[in-house]
Amino acid sequence: MSQETPYVKFLELYEAALEAEQRGVEAIAISSFDNTAQEVESRFVNLKYIQGNQWIFFSNYLSPKALNFESHPQISALFHWGSSNTQIRIKANIKKSPIEFSDKHFQGRSMEKNALAISSQQSALTNSYQDVKNNFSSTLEEMTDSTNRPEYWGGFSFKPYYFEFWQGHQNRLNQRHVFNQSNGAWVESFLQP
């Protein structure tokens, strides 16, 4: 077995996907569990940062997924990069990012993106798309450079404890390379295709 970490492996595959001109390389499917409905839900988000062992994206804290995270703080995540025939499965524990981190990220974004974060009641029913656009426009008009991040929007940080790196090969002789955290150390293994 090699002594590489899953983070080294991830970086190698990420750079290969960039070289293969993968569009949306930062798109990651996040699956959460809805305790009330007893259902698994999935959606794509944009991964913004990897800092140490924390992987971070941003969302509305009142959205269905955020409520799922509160009641069941474990997720499954998936990258798929067709350009390099790669998928990466992750299992992780998730929590809100520190307030200061979310504030800093919000201040570095465009006014338009922040207007949407403020104006959108993510996943709530609406009468029409025109209402969404009108709400966005009026929020944007009221904003200034000193507009603060709303308390209901910010980062989520997840800490992976399982990685599976799947790489497709000819004749479906696919490689499945696994890293599983056990007692603070990464245990490496391979799975049958």
N, C-alpha and C. Protein backbone atom coordinates (compact mmCIF):
# COMPACT_ATOMS: atom_id res chain seq x y z
N MET A 1 0.83 -1.19 0.00
CA MET A 1 0.00 0.00 0.00
C MET A 1 0.88 1.26 0.00
N SER A 2 0.42 2.24 -0.72
CA SER A 2 1.14 3.52 -0.71
C SER A 2 0.75 4.28 0.55
N GLN A 3 1.47 5.34 0.85
CA GLN A 3 1.18 6.14 2.04
C GLN A 3 0.51 7.47 1.67
N GLU A 4 -0.02 7.58 0.45
CA GLU A 4 -0.66 8.83 0.08
C GLU A 4 -1.98 9.00 0.83
N THR A 5 -2.38 10.25 1.02
CA THR A 5 -3.64 10.53 1.68
C THR A 5 -4.71 10.71 0.61
N PRO A 6 -5.99 10.64 0.99
CA PRO A 6 -7.03 10.88 -0.02
C PRO A 6 -6.98 12.30 -0.57
N TYR A 7 -6.43 13.24 0.20
CA TYR A 7 -6.35 14.62 -0.28
C TYR A 7 -5.35 14.74 -1.44
N VAL A 8 -4.25 14.00 -1.37
CA VAL A 8 -3.28 13.97 -2.47
C VAL A 8 -3.92 13.35 -3.70
N LYS A 9 -4.63 12.25 -3.51
CA LYS A 9 -5.31 11.57 -4.62
C LYS A 9 -6.36 12.49 -5.24
N PHE A 10 -7.14 13.17 -4.40
CA PHE A 10 -8.16 14.09 -4.90
C PHE A 10 -7.52 15.17 -5.76
N LEU A 11 -6.44 15.77 -5.29
CA LEU A 11 -5.79 16.84 -6.03
C LEU A 11 -5.29 16.36 -7.39
N GLU A 12 -4.72 15.17 -7.44
CA GLU A 12 -4.25 14.60 -8.71
C GLU A 12 -5.41 14.46 -9.70
N LEU A 13 -6.54 13.93 -9.23
CA LEU A 13 -7.68 13.71 -10.11
C LEU A 13 -8.36 15.03 -10.49
N TYR A 14 -8.38 15.98 -9.57
CA TYR A 14 -8.94 17.31 -9.85
C TYR A 14 -8.14 17.99 -10.96
N GLU A 15 -6.81 17.95 -10.84
CA GLU A 15 -5.96 18.57 -11.87
C GLU A 15 -6.11 17.85 -13.21
N ALA A 16 -6.28 16.54 -13.20
CA ALA A 16 -6.50 15.79 -14.45
C ALA A 16 -7.82 16.21 -15.09
N ALA A 17 -8.86 16.42 -14.26
CA ALA A 17 -10.16 16.86 -14.79
C ALA A 17 -10.05 18.26 -15.38
N LEU A 18 -9.30 19.15 -14.73
CA LEU A 18 -9.09 20.51 -15.27
C LEU A 18 -8.37 20.44 -16.61
N GLU A 19 -7.34 19.60 -16.70
CA GLU A 19 -6.59 19.45 -17.95
C GLU A 19 -7.48 18.91 -19.06
N ALA A 20 -8.45 18.07 -18.69
CA ALA A 20 -9.40 17.51 -19.66
C ALA A 20 -10.56 18.47 -19.94
N GLU A 21 -10.45 19.70 -19.40
CA GLU A 21 -11.43 20.77 -19.61
C GLU A 21 -12.82 20.40 -19.10
N GLN A 22 -12.86 19.79 -17.93
CA GLN A 22 -14.13 19.45 -17.29
C GLN A 22 -14.88 20.73 -16.92
N ARG A 23 -16.10 20.84 -17.42
CA ARG A 23 -16.95 21.97 -17.03
C ARG A 23 -17.57 21.69 -15.67
N GLY A 24 -17.75 22.74 -14.86
CA GLY A 24 -18.38 22.57 -13.56
C GLY A 24 -17.62 21.63 -12.65
N VAL A 25 -16.30 21.72 -12.67
CA VAL A 25 -15.47 20.80 -11.89
C VAL A 25 -15.76 20.93 -10.39
N GLU A 26 -16.28 22.08 -9.96
CA GLU A 26 -16.55 22.32 -8.54
C GLU A 26 -17.93 21.82 -8.12
N ALA A 27 -18.73 21.34 -9.07
CA ALA A 27 -20.09 20.86 -8.75
C ALA A 27 -20.01 19.54 -7.99
N ILE A 28 -20.69 19.50 -6.85
CA ILE A 28 -20.69 18.30 -6.02
C ILE A 28 -22.12 17.99 -5.59
N ALA A 29 -22.53 16.75 -5.79
CA ALA A 29 -23.88 16.33 -5.38
C ALA A 29 -23.82 15.99 -3.90
N ILE A 30 -24.72 16.62 -3.14
CA ILE A 30 -24.80 16.39 -1.70
C ILE A 30 -26.11 15.65 -1.41
N SER A 31 -26.02 14.54 -0.72
CA SER A 31 -27.21 13.79 -0.31
C SER A 31 -27.36 13.90 1.20
N SER A 32 -28.57 14.22 1.63
CA SER A 32 -28.87 14.35 3.05
C SER A 32 -30.09 13.50 3.37
N PHE A 33 -30.34 13.32 4.67
CA PHE A 33 -31.48 12.51 5.11
C PHE A 33 -32.50 13.40 5.78
N ASP A 34 -33.75 13.33 5.30
CA ASP A 34 -34.87 14.07 5.88
C ASP A 34 -35.52 13.17 6.92
N ASN A 35 -35.29 13.47 8.19
CA ASN A 35 -35.82 12.63 9.28
C ASN A 35 -37.34 12.61 9.30
N THR A 36 -37.98 13.73 8.97
CA THR A 36 -39.44 13.82 9.03
C THR A 36 -40.09 12.95 7.96
N ALA A 37 -39.64 13.10 6.73
CA ALA A 37 -40.21 12.35 5.61
C ALA A 37 -39.60 10.96 5.46
N GLN A 38 -38.50 10.71 6.19
CA GLN A 38 -37.77 9.44 6.07
C GLN A 38 -37.34 9.20 4.62
N GLU A 39 -36.76 10.27 4.02
CA GLU A 39 -36.31 10.21 2.63
C GLU A 39 -34.90 10.76 2.51
N VAL A 40 -34.17 10.24 1.52
CA VAL A 40 -32.87 10.79 1.16
C VAL A 40 -33.10 11.80 0.04
N GLU A 41 -32.43 12.95 0.13
CA GLU A 41 -32.55 13.99 -0.89
C GLU A 41 -31.17 14.34 -1.41
N SER A 42 -31.07 14.64 -2.70
CA SER A 42 -29.78 15.01 -3.30
C SER A 42 -29.94 16.29 -4.10
N ARG A 43 -28.87 17.06 -4.16
CA ARG A 43 -28.83 18.26 -4.98
C ARG A 43 -27.36 18.61 -5.23
N PHE A 44 -27.10 19.38 -6.30
CA PHE A 44 -25.75 19.84 -6.58
C PHE A 44 -25.52 21.19 -5.92
N VAL A 45 -24.31 21.38 -5.38
CA VAL A 45 -23.86 22.66 -4.86
C VAL A 45 -22.47 22.91 -5.44
N ASN A 46 -21.98 24.13 -5.28
CA ASN A 46 -20.62 24.44 -5.72
C ASN A 46 -19.68 24.42 -4.52
N LEU A 47 -18.73 23.50 -4.54
CA LEU A 47 -17.73 23.45 -3.49
C LEU A 47 -16.82 24.67 -3.66
N LYS A 48 -16.68 25.48 -2.61
CA LYS A 48 -15.92 26.72 -2.71
C LYS A 48 -14.52 26.62 -2.13
N TYR A 49 -14.35 25.84 -1.06
CA TYR A 49 -13.05 25.77 -0.40
C TYR A 49 -12.80 24.36 0.13
N ILE A 50 -11.51 24.02 0.18
CA ILE A 50 -11.04 22.90 0.99
C ILE A 50 -9.95 23.49 1.86
N GLN A 51 -10.22 23.55 3.15
CA GLN A 51 -9.25 24.11 4.10
C GLN A 51 -8.95 23.06 5.16
N GLY A 52 -7.74 22.54 5.09
CA GLY A 52 -7.39 21.43 5.98
C GLY A 52 -8.29 20.25 5.66
N ASN A 53 -9.03 19.77 6.66
CA ASN A 53 -9.93 18.65 6.41
C ASN A 53 -11.39 19.10 6.29
N GLN A 54 -11.61 20.42 6.15
CA GLN A 54 -12.96 20.96 6.02
C GLN A 54 -13.25 21.32 4.55
N TRP A 55 -14.36 20.83 4.03
CA TRP A 55 -14.81 21.11 2.67
C TRP A 55 -16.03 22.01 2.81
N ILE A 56 -16.05 23.13 2.09
CA ILE A 56 -17.02 24.18 2.40
C ILE A 56 -17.81 24.63 1.18
N PHE A 57 -19.13 24.71 1.35
CA PHE A 57 -20.03 25.33 0.38
C PHE A 57 -20.98 26.24 1.14
N PHE A 58 -21.78 27.03 0.41
CA PHE A 58 -22.65 28.03 1.03
C PHE A 58 -24.09 27.82 0.60
N SER A 59 -25.01 28.16 1.51
CA SER A 59 -26.42 27.96 1.22
C SER A 59 -27.28 28.74 2.22
N ASN A 60 -28.58 28.69 2.00
CA ASN A 60 -29.55 29.28 2.90
C ASN A 60 -29.74 28.33 4.09
N TYR A 61 -29.62 28.87 5.31
CA TYR A 61 -29.74 28.05 6.51
C TYR A 61 -31.17 27.63 6.82
N LEU A 62 -32.15 28.18 6.08
CA LEU A 62 -33.55 27.80 6.28
C LEU A 62 -34.04 26.85 5.19
N SER A 63 -33.16 26.46 4.28
CA SER A 63 -33.53 25.57 3.18
C SER A 63 -33.77 24.15 3.69
N PRO A 64 -34.47 23.33 2.91
CA PRO A 64 -34.69 21.93 3.34
C PRO A 64 -33.39 21.18 3.65
N LYS A 65 -32.35 21.38 2.83
CA LYS A 65 -31.12 20.64 3.09
C LYS A 65 -30.49 21.07 4.41
N ALA A 66 -30.55 22.38 4.72
CA ALA A 66 -29.99 22.87 5.97
C ALA A 66 -30.72 22.26 7.17
N LEU A 67 -32.03 22.15 7.05
CA LEU A 67 -32.80 21.52 8.12
C LEU A 67 -32.47 20.04 8.24
N ASN A 68 -32.22 19.39 7.11
CA ASN A 68 -31.77 18.00 7.13
C ASN A 68 -30.45 17.86 7.88
N PHE A 69 -29.52 18.78 7.58
CA PHE A 69 -28.20 18.72 8.22
C PHE A 69 -28.32 18.87 9.74
N GLU A 70 -29.25 19.70 10.19
CA GLU A 70 -29.42 19.91 11.62
C GLU A 70 -29.90 18.64 12.33
N SER A 71 -30.84 17.96 11.70
CA SER A 71 -31.42 16.78 12.36
C SER A 71 -30.62 15.50 12.09
N HIS A 72 -29.84 15.50 11.02
CA HIS A 72 -29.03 14.32 10.67
C HIS A 72 -27.72 14.83 10.05
N PRO A 73 -26.70 15.14 10.87
CA PRO A 73 -25.49 15.81 10.39
C PRO A 73 -24.47 14.91 9.70
N GLN A 74 -24.97 13.98 8.91
CA GLN A 74 -24.09 13.11 8.12
C GLN A 74 -24.58 13.16 6.69
N ILE A 75 -23.65 13.28 5.75
CA ILE A 75 -24.01 13.39 4.32
C ILE A 75 -23.20 12.40 3.50
N SER A 76 -23.66 12.25 2.26
CA SER A 76 -22.89 11.58 1.23
C SER A 76 -22.70 12.60 0.12
N ALA A 77 -21.53 12.61 -0.50
CA ALA A 77 -21.24 13.59 -1.55
C ALA A 77 -20.61 12.87 -2.74
N LEU A 78 -20.81 13.46 -3.92
CA LEU A 78 -20.33 12.80 -5.14
C LEU A 78 -19.89 13.81 -6.19
N PHE A 79 -18.68 13.65 -6.68
CA PHE A 79 -18.19 14.36 -7.86
C PHE A 79 -18.29 13.40 -9.04
N HIS A 80 -18.65 13.92 -10.21
CA HIS A 80 -18.57 13.13 -11.45
C HIS A 80 -17.92 14.00 -12.51
N TRP A 81 -16.78 13.55 -13.00
CA TRP A 81 -16.04 14.27 -14.03
C TRP A 81 -15.95 13.38 -15.27
N GLY A 82 -16.92 13.54 -16.16
CA GLY A 82 -16.99 12.72 -17.36
C GLY A 82 -15.79 12.88 -18.27
N SER A 83 -15.18 14.07 -18.28
CA SER A 83 -14.04 14.32 -19.16
C SER A 83 -12.86 13.43 -18.85
N SER A 84 -12.72 13.02 -17.60
CA SER A 84 -11.61 12.14 -17.21
C SER A 84 -12.11 10.78 -16.71
N ASN A 85 -13.41 10.50 -16.90
CA ASN A 85 -14.02 9.22 -16.53
C ASN A 85 -13.74 8.89 -15.05
N THR A 86 -14.07 9.88 -14.20
CA THR A 86 -13.78 9.77 -12.77
C THR A 86 -15.02 10.12 -11.96
N GLN A 87 -15.25 9.37 -10.89
CA GLN A 87 -16.21 9.82 -9.89
C GLN A 87 -15.59 9.60 -8.52
N ILE A 88 -15.94 10.49 -7.60
CA ILE A 88 -15.39 10.44 -6.25
C ILE A 88 -16.55 10.47 -5.27
N ARG A 89 -16.66 9.41 -4.48
CA ARG A 89 -17.70 9.32 -3.45
C ARG A 89 -17.09 9.68 -2.11
N ILE A 90 -17.84 10.46 -1.33
CA ILE A 90 -17.38 10.90 -0.01
C ILE A 90 -18.50 10.70 1.00
N LYS A 91 -18.14 10.27 2.20
CA LYS A 91 -19.05 10.28 3.33
C LYS A 91 -18.45 11.22 4.36
N ALA A 92 -19.31 12.04 5.00
CA ALA A 92 -18.78 13.08 5.88
C ALA A 92 -19.79 13.50 6.93
N ASN A 93 -19.28 14.17 7.94
CA ASN A 93 -20.12 14.83 8.93
C ASN A 93 -20.12 16.33 8.61
N ILE A 94 -21.27 16.98 8.81
CA ILE A 94 -21.44 18.36 8.37
C ILE A 94 -21.93 19.26 9.50
N LYS A 95 -21.52 20.52 9.45
CA LYS A 95 -21.95 21.53 10.42
C LYS A 95 -21.84 22.91 9.77
N LYS A 96 -22.43 23.93 10.41
CA LYS A 96 -22.30 25.29 9.92
C LYS A 96 -20.86 25.75 10.07
N SER A 97 -20.41 26.55 9.10
CA SER A 97 -19.08 27.14 9.18
C SER A 97 -19.09 28.27 10.21
N PRO A 98 -17.92 28.66 10.72
CA PRO A 98 -17.87 29.78 11.66
C PRO A 98 -18.45 31.07 11.04
N ILE A 99 -19.11 31.87 11.86
CA ILE A 99 -19.75 33.11 11.40
C ILE A 99 -18.75 34.02 10.70
N GLU A 100 -17.56 34.15 11.26
CA GLU A 100 -16.54 35.05 10.68
C GLU A 100 -16.15 34.60 9.27
N PHE A 101 -16.08 33.30 9.07
CA PHE A 101 -15.72 32.77 7.76
C PHE A 101 -16.81 33.09 6.73
N SER A 102 -18.06 32.89 7.13
CA SER A 102 -19.19 33.20 6.23
C SER A 102 -19.24 34.68 5.92
N ASP A 103 -19.00 35.53 6.93
CA ASP A 103 -18.98 36.99 6.72
C ASP A 103 -17.92 37.38 5.69
N LYS A 104 -16.72 36.83 5.85
CA LYS A 104 -15.62 37.16 4.95
C LYS A 104 -15.93 36.73 3.52
N HIS A 105 -16.48 35.52 3.36
CA HIS A 105 -16.83 35.04 2.02
C HIS A 105 -17.91 35.94 1.39
N PHE A 106 -18.92 36.29 2.17
CA PHE A 106 -20.01 37.15 1.68
C PHE A 106 -19.46 38.49 1.19
N GLN A 107 -18.54 39.08 1.94
CA GLN A 107 -17.99 40.39 1.57
C GLN A 107 -17.15 40.31 0.28
N GLY A 108 -16.65 39.15 -0.08
CA GLY A 108 -15.84 38.99 -1.28
C GLY A 108 -16.64 38.66 -2.53
N ARG A 109 -17.96 38.51 -2.40
CA ARG A 109 -18.80 38.13 -3.53
C ARG A 109 -19.34 39.36 -4.24
N SER A 110 -19.86 39.13 -5.44
CA SER A 110 -20.48 40.23 -6.20
C SER A 110 -21.78 40.65 -5.53
N MET A 111 -22.17 41.89 -5.76
CA MET A 111 -23.41 42.41 -5.19
C MET A 111 -24.61 41.61 -5.71
N GLU A 112 -24.54 41.17 -6.96
CA GLU A 112 -25.64 40.40 -7.55
C GLU A 112 -25.83 39.06 -6.85
N LYS A 113 -24.73 38.37 -6.60
CA LYS A 113 -24.83 37.08 -5.89
C LYS A 113 -25.37 37.28 -4.48
N ASN A 114 -24.92 38.35 -3.82
CA ASN A 114 -25.39 38.61 -2.47
C ASN A 114 -26.86 39.03 -2.45
N ALA A 115 -27.28 39.74 -3.48
CA ALA A 115 -28.70 40.13 -3.57
C ALA A 115 -29.57 38.88 -3.68
N LEU A 116 -29.12 37.90 -4.42
CA LEU A 116 -29.89 36.66 -4.54
C LEU A 116 -29.91 35.91 -3.21
N ALA A 117 -28.76 35.87 -2.51
CA ALA A 117 -28.71 35.21 -1.21
C ALA A 117 -29.69 35.86 -0.23
N ILE A 118 -29.82 37.18 -0.30
CA ILE A 118 -30.72 37.91 0.60
C ILE A 118 -32.18 37.74 0.17
N SER A 119 -32.44 37.83 -1.13
CA SER A 119 -33.82 37.88 -1.61
C SER A 119 -34.49 36.52 -1.72
N SER A 120 -33.72 35.45 -1.84
CA SER A 120 -34.30 34.13 -2.08
C SER A 120 -34.67 33.41 -0.78
N GLN A 121 -35.89 32.96 -0.71
CA GLN A 121 -36.30 32.04 0.36
C GLN A 121 -36.17 30.64 -0.24
N GLN A 122 -34.96 30.16 -0.30
CA GLN A 122 -34.59 28.98 -1.07
C GLN A 122 -35.56 27.81 -0.88
N SER A 123 -36.08 27.34 -1.98
CA SER A 123 -36.98 26.18 -2.08
C SER A 123 -38.42 26.45 -1.64
N ALA A 124 -38.72 27.69 -1.21
CA ALA A 124 -40.11 28.01 -0.85
C ALA A 124 -40.94 28.17 -2.12
N LEU A 125 -42.23 27.87 -2.02
CA LEU A 125 -43.13 28.05 -3.16
C LEU A 125 -43.22 29.52 -3.54
N THR A 126 -43.39 29.80 -4.83
CA THR A 126 -43.55 31.16 -5.32
C THR A 126 -44.63 31.17 -6.39
N ASN A 127 -45.26 32.32 -6.57
CA ASN A 127 -46.33 32.43 -7.57
C ASN A 127 -45.81 32.33 -8.99
N SER A 128 -44.61 32.90 -9.21
CA SER A 128 -44.07 32.89 -10.57
C SER A 128 -42.58 33.20 -10.53
N TYR A 129 -41.93 32.89 -11.63
CA TYR A 129 -40.51 33.24 -11.77
C TYR A 129 -40.36 34.76 -11.82
N GLN A 130 -41.35 35.45 -12.36
CA GLN A 130 -41.30 36.91 -12.41
C GLN A 130 -41.23 37.50 -11.00
N ASP A 131 -41.94 36.89 -10.05
CA ASP A 131 -41.87 37.35 -8.65
C ASP A 131 -40.45 37.20 -8.11
N VAL A 132 -39.79 36.11 -8.46
CA VAL A 132 -38.40 35.89 -8.04
C VAL A 132 -37.52 37.00 -8.60
N LYS A 133 -37.69 37.30 -9.89
CA LYS A 133 -36.87 38.34 -10.54
C LYS A 133 -37.15 39.72 -9.95
N ASN A 134 -38.42 40.02 -9.67
CA ASN A 134 -38.77 41.32 -9.10
C ASN A 134 -38.17 41.49 -7.70
N ASN A 135 -38.26 40.43 -6.90
CA ASN A 135 -37.71 40.47 -5.55
C ASN A 135 -36.19 40.66 -5.59
N PHE A 136 -35.54 39.96 -6.50
CA PHE A 136 -34.09 40.11 -6.68
C PHE A 136 -33.74 41.54 -7.06
N SER A 137 -34.45 42.10 -8.05
CA SER A 137 -34.15 43.45 -8.53
C SER A 137 -34.33 44.49 -7.44
N SER A 138 -35.42 44.39 -6.68
CA SER A 138 -35.65 45.38 -5.63
C SER A 138 -34.61 45.25 -4.51
N THR A 139 -34.19 44.03 -4.21
CA THR A 139 -33.14 43.83 -3.20
C THR A 139 -31.83 44.42 -3.68
N LEU A 140 -31.49 44.19 -4.94
CA LEU A 140 -30.25 44.71 -5.51
C LEU A 140 -30.22 46.23 -5.47
N GLU A 141 -31.34 46.87 -5.75
CA GLU A 141 -31.42 48.34 -5.74
C GLU A 141 -31.18 48.91 -4.34
N GLU A 142 -31.58 48.18 -3.32
CA GLU A 142 -31.46 48.65 -1.94
C GLU A 142 -30.09 48.39 -1.33
N MET A 143 -29.27 47.57 -1.99
CA MET A 143 -27.99 47.18 -1.41
C MET A 143 -26.93 48.26 -1.54
N THR A 144 -25.98 48.24 -0.59
CA THR A 144 -24.81 49.10 -0.64
C THR A 144 -23.57 48.23 -0.44
N ASP A 145 -22.41 48.83 -0.55
CA ASP A 145 -21.16 48.08 -0.33
C ASP A 145 -21.04 47.58 1.10
N SER A 146 -21.79 48.18 2.02
CA SER A 146 -21.70 47.79 3.43
C SER A 146 -22.83 46.85 3.86
N THR A 147 -23.60 46.35 2.90
CA THR A 147 -24.67 45.40 3.24
C THR A 147 -24.08 44.16 3.87
N ASN A 148 -24.61 43.79 5.02
CA ASN A 148 -24.10 42.63 5.76
C ASN A 148 -24.75 41.33 5.32
N ARG A 149 -24.06 40.24 5.58
CA ARG A 149 -24.58 38.90 5.32
C ARG A 149 -25.80 38.66 6.21
N PRO A 150 -26.88 38.15 5.62
CA PRO A 150 -28.03 37.83 6.47
C PRO A 150 -27.72 36.60 7.34
N GLU A 151 -28.30 36.54 8.52
CA GLU A 151 -28.05 35.43 9.43
C GLU A 151 -28.51 34.09 8.86
N TYR A 152 -29.45 34.14 7.91
CA TYR A 152 -30.01 32.89 7.36
C TYR A 152 -29.23 32.36 6.16
N TRP A 153 -28.06 32.91 5.89
CA TRP A 153 -27.24 32.44 4.77
C TRP A 153 -25.79 32.34 5.24
N GLY A 154 -25.12 31.24 4.85
CA GLY A 154 -23.71 31.09 5.21
C GLY A 154 -23.14 29.76 4.78
N GLY A 155 -22.00 29.45 5.35
CA GLY A 155 -21.28 28.25 4.93
C GLY A 155 -21.66 27.01 5.69
N PHE A 156 -21.45 25.88 5.01
CA PHE A 156 -21.51 24.57 5.63
C PHE A 156 -20.15 23.92 5.43
N SER A 157 -19.61 23.34 6.48
CA SER A 157 -18.32 22.65 6.43
C SER A 157 -18.55 21.17 6.68
N PHE A 158 -18.01 20.36 5.80
CA PHE A 158 -18.09 18.92 6.07
C PHE A 158 -16.70 18.31 6.12
N LYS A 159 -16.57 17.34 7.01
CA LYS A 159 -15.28 16.69 7.25
C LYS A 159 -15.39 15.23 6.80
N PRO A 160 -14.76 14.89 5.67
CA PRO A 160 -14.86 13.52 5.17
C PRO A 160 -14.20 12.49 6.07
N TYR A 161 -14.84 11.32 6.12
CA TYR A 161 -14.21 10.18 6.81
C TYR A 161 -14.13 8.96 5.88
N TYR A 162 -14.61 9.12 4.63
CA TYR A 162 -14.57 8.02 3.66
C TYR A 162 -14.47 8.61 2.26
N PHE A 163 -13.56 8.07 1.46
CA PHE A 163 -13.43 8.43 0.05
C PHE A 163 -13.41 7.15 -0.78
N GLU A 164 -14.10 7.18 -1.92
CA GLU A 164 -13.91 6.15 -2.93
C GLU A 164 -13.63 6.84 -4.26
N PHE A 165 -12.44 6.57 -4.80
CA PHE A 165 -12.04 7.14 -6.09
C PHE A 165 -12.28 6.07 -7.17
N TRP A 166 -13.25 6.34 -8.02
CA TRP A 166 -13.62 5.43 -9.09
C TRP A 166 -13.06 5.98 -10.40
N GLN A 167 -12.27 5.17 -11.09
CA GLN A 167 -11.73 5.57 -12.39
C GLN A 167 -12.10 4.51 -13.42
N GLY A 168 -12.82 4.94 -14.45
CA GLY A 168 -13.28 4.03 -15.47
C GLY A 168 -12.17 3.63 -16.43
N HIS A 169 -12.17 2.35 -16.80
CA HIS A 169 -11.19 1.83 -17.75
C HIS A 169 -11.89 0.96 -18.78
N GLN A 170 -11.16 0.61 -19.85
CA GLN A 170 -11.70 -0.19 -20.94
C GLN A 170 -12.21 -1.54 -20.41
N ASN A 171 -13.25 -2.05 -21.03
CA ASN A 171 -13.87 -3.32 -20.67
C ASN A 171 -14.42 -3.33 -19.24
N ARG A 172 -14.71 -2.15 -18.74
CA ARG A 172 -15.23 -1.97 -17.37
C ARG A 172 -14.29 -2.52 -16.30
N LEU A 173 -13.01 -2.55 -16.61
CA LEU A 173 -12.00 -2.96 -15.64
C LEU A 173 -11.67 -1.73 -14.78
N ASN A 174 -12.69 -1.26 -14.07
CA ASN A 174 -12.62 0.00 -13.37
C ASN A 174 -11.85 -0.12 -12.05
N GLN A 175 -11.13 0.94 -11.72
CA GLN A 175 -10.38 0.96 -10.47
C GLN A 175 -11.20 1.66 -9.39
N ARG A 176 -11.32 1.04 -8.22
CA ARG A 176 -12.04 1.62 -7.09
C ARG A 176 -11.09 1.63 -5.88
N HIS A 177 -10.56 2.81 -5.61
CA HIS A 177 -9.54 3.00 -4.59
C HIS A 177 -10.20 3.69 -3.39
N VAL A 178 -10.16 3.07 -2.22
CA VAL A 178 -10.89 3.54 -1.04
C VAL A 178 -9.93 3.98 0.06
N PHE A 179 -10.32 5.07 0.71
CA PHE A 179 -9.65 5.53 1.93
C PHE A 179 -10.73 5.67 2.99
N ASN A 180 -10.57 4.95 4.11
CA ASN A 180 -11.55 4.97 5.19
C ASN A 180 -10.83 5.36 6.47
N GLN A 181 -11.36 6.36 7.17
CA GLN A 181 -10.70 6.80 8.39
C GLN A 181 -11.05 5.88 9.56
N SER A 182 -10.00 5.44 10.24
CA SER A 182 -10.18 4.55 11.39
C SER A 182 -9.19 4.96 12.47
N ASN A 183 -9.71 5.32 13.64
CA ASN A 183 -8.86 5.75 14.77
C ASN A 183 -7.88 6.86 14.37
N GLY A 184 -8.38 7.81 13.57
CA GLY A 184 -7.57 8.97 13.19
C GLY A 184 -6.59 8.74 12.06
N ALA A 185 -6.56 7.53 11.50
CA ALA A 185 -5.64 7.23 10.40
C ALA A 185 -6.44 6.79 9.18
N TRP A 186 -5.89 7.04 7.99
CA TRP A 186 -6.53 6.62 6.75
C TRP A 186 -6.11 5.20 6.41
N VAL A 187 -7.10 4.33 6.24
CA VAL A 187 -6.85 2.94 5.85
C VAL A 187 -7.19 2.81 4.38
N GLU A 188 -6.24 2.34 3.59
CA GLU A 188 -6.39 2.24 2.14
C GLU A 188 -6.81 0.85 1.73
N SER A 189 -7.68 0.76 0.74
CA SER A 189 -8.07 -0.55 0.19
C SER A 189 -8.58 -0.37 -1.23
N PHE A 190 -8.84 -1.49 -1.88
CA PHE A 190 -9.40 -1.47 -3.24
C PHE A 190 -10.64 -2.35 -3.26
N LEU A 191 -11.62 -1.97 -4.10
CA LEU A 191 -12.85 -2.74 -4.26
C LEU A 191 -12.88 -3.37 -5.64
N GLN A 192 -13.58 -4.48 -5.77
CA GLN A 192 -13.80 -5.09 -7.06
C GLN A 192 -14.64 -4.13 -7.94
N PRO A 193 -14.44 -4.17 -9.27
CA PRO A 193 -15.22 -3.28 -10.14
C PRO A 193 -16.71 -3.51 -10.01
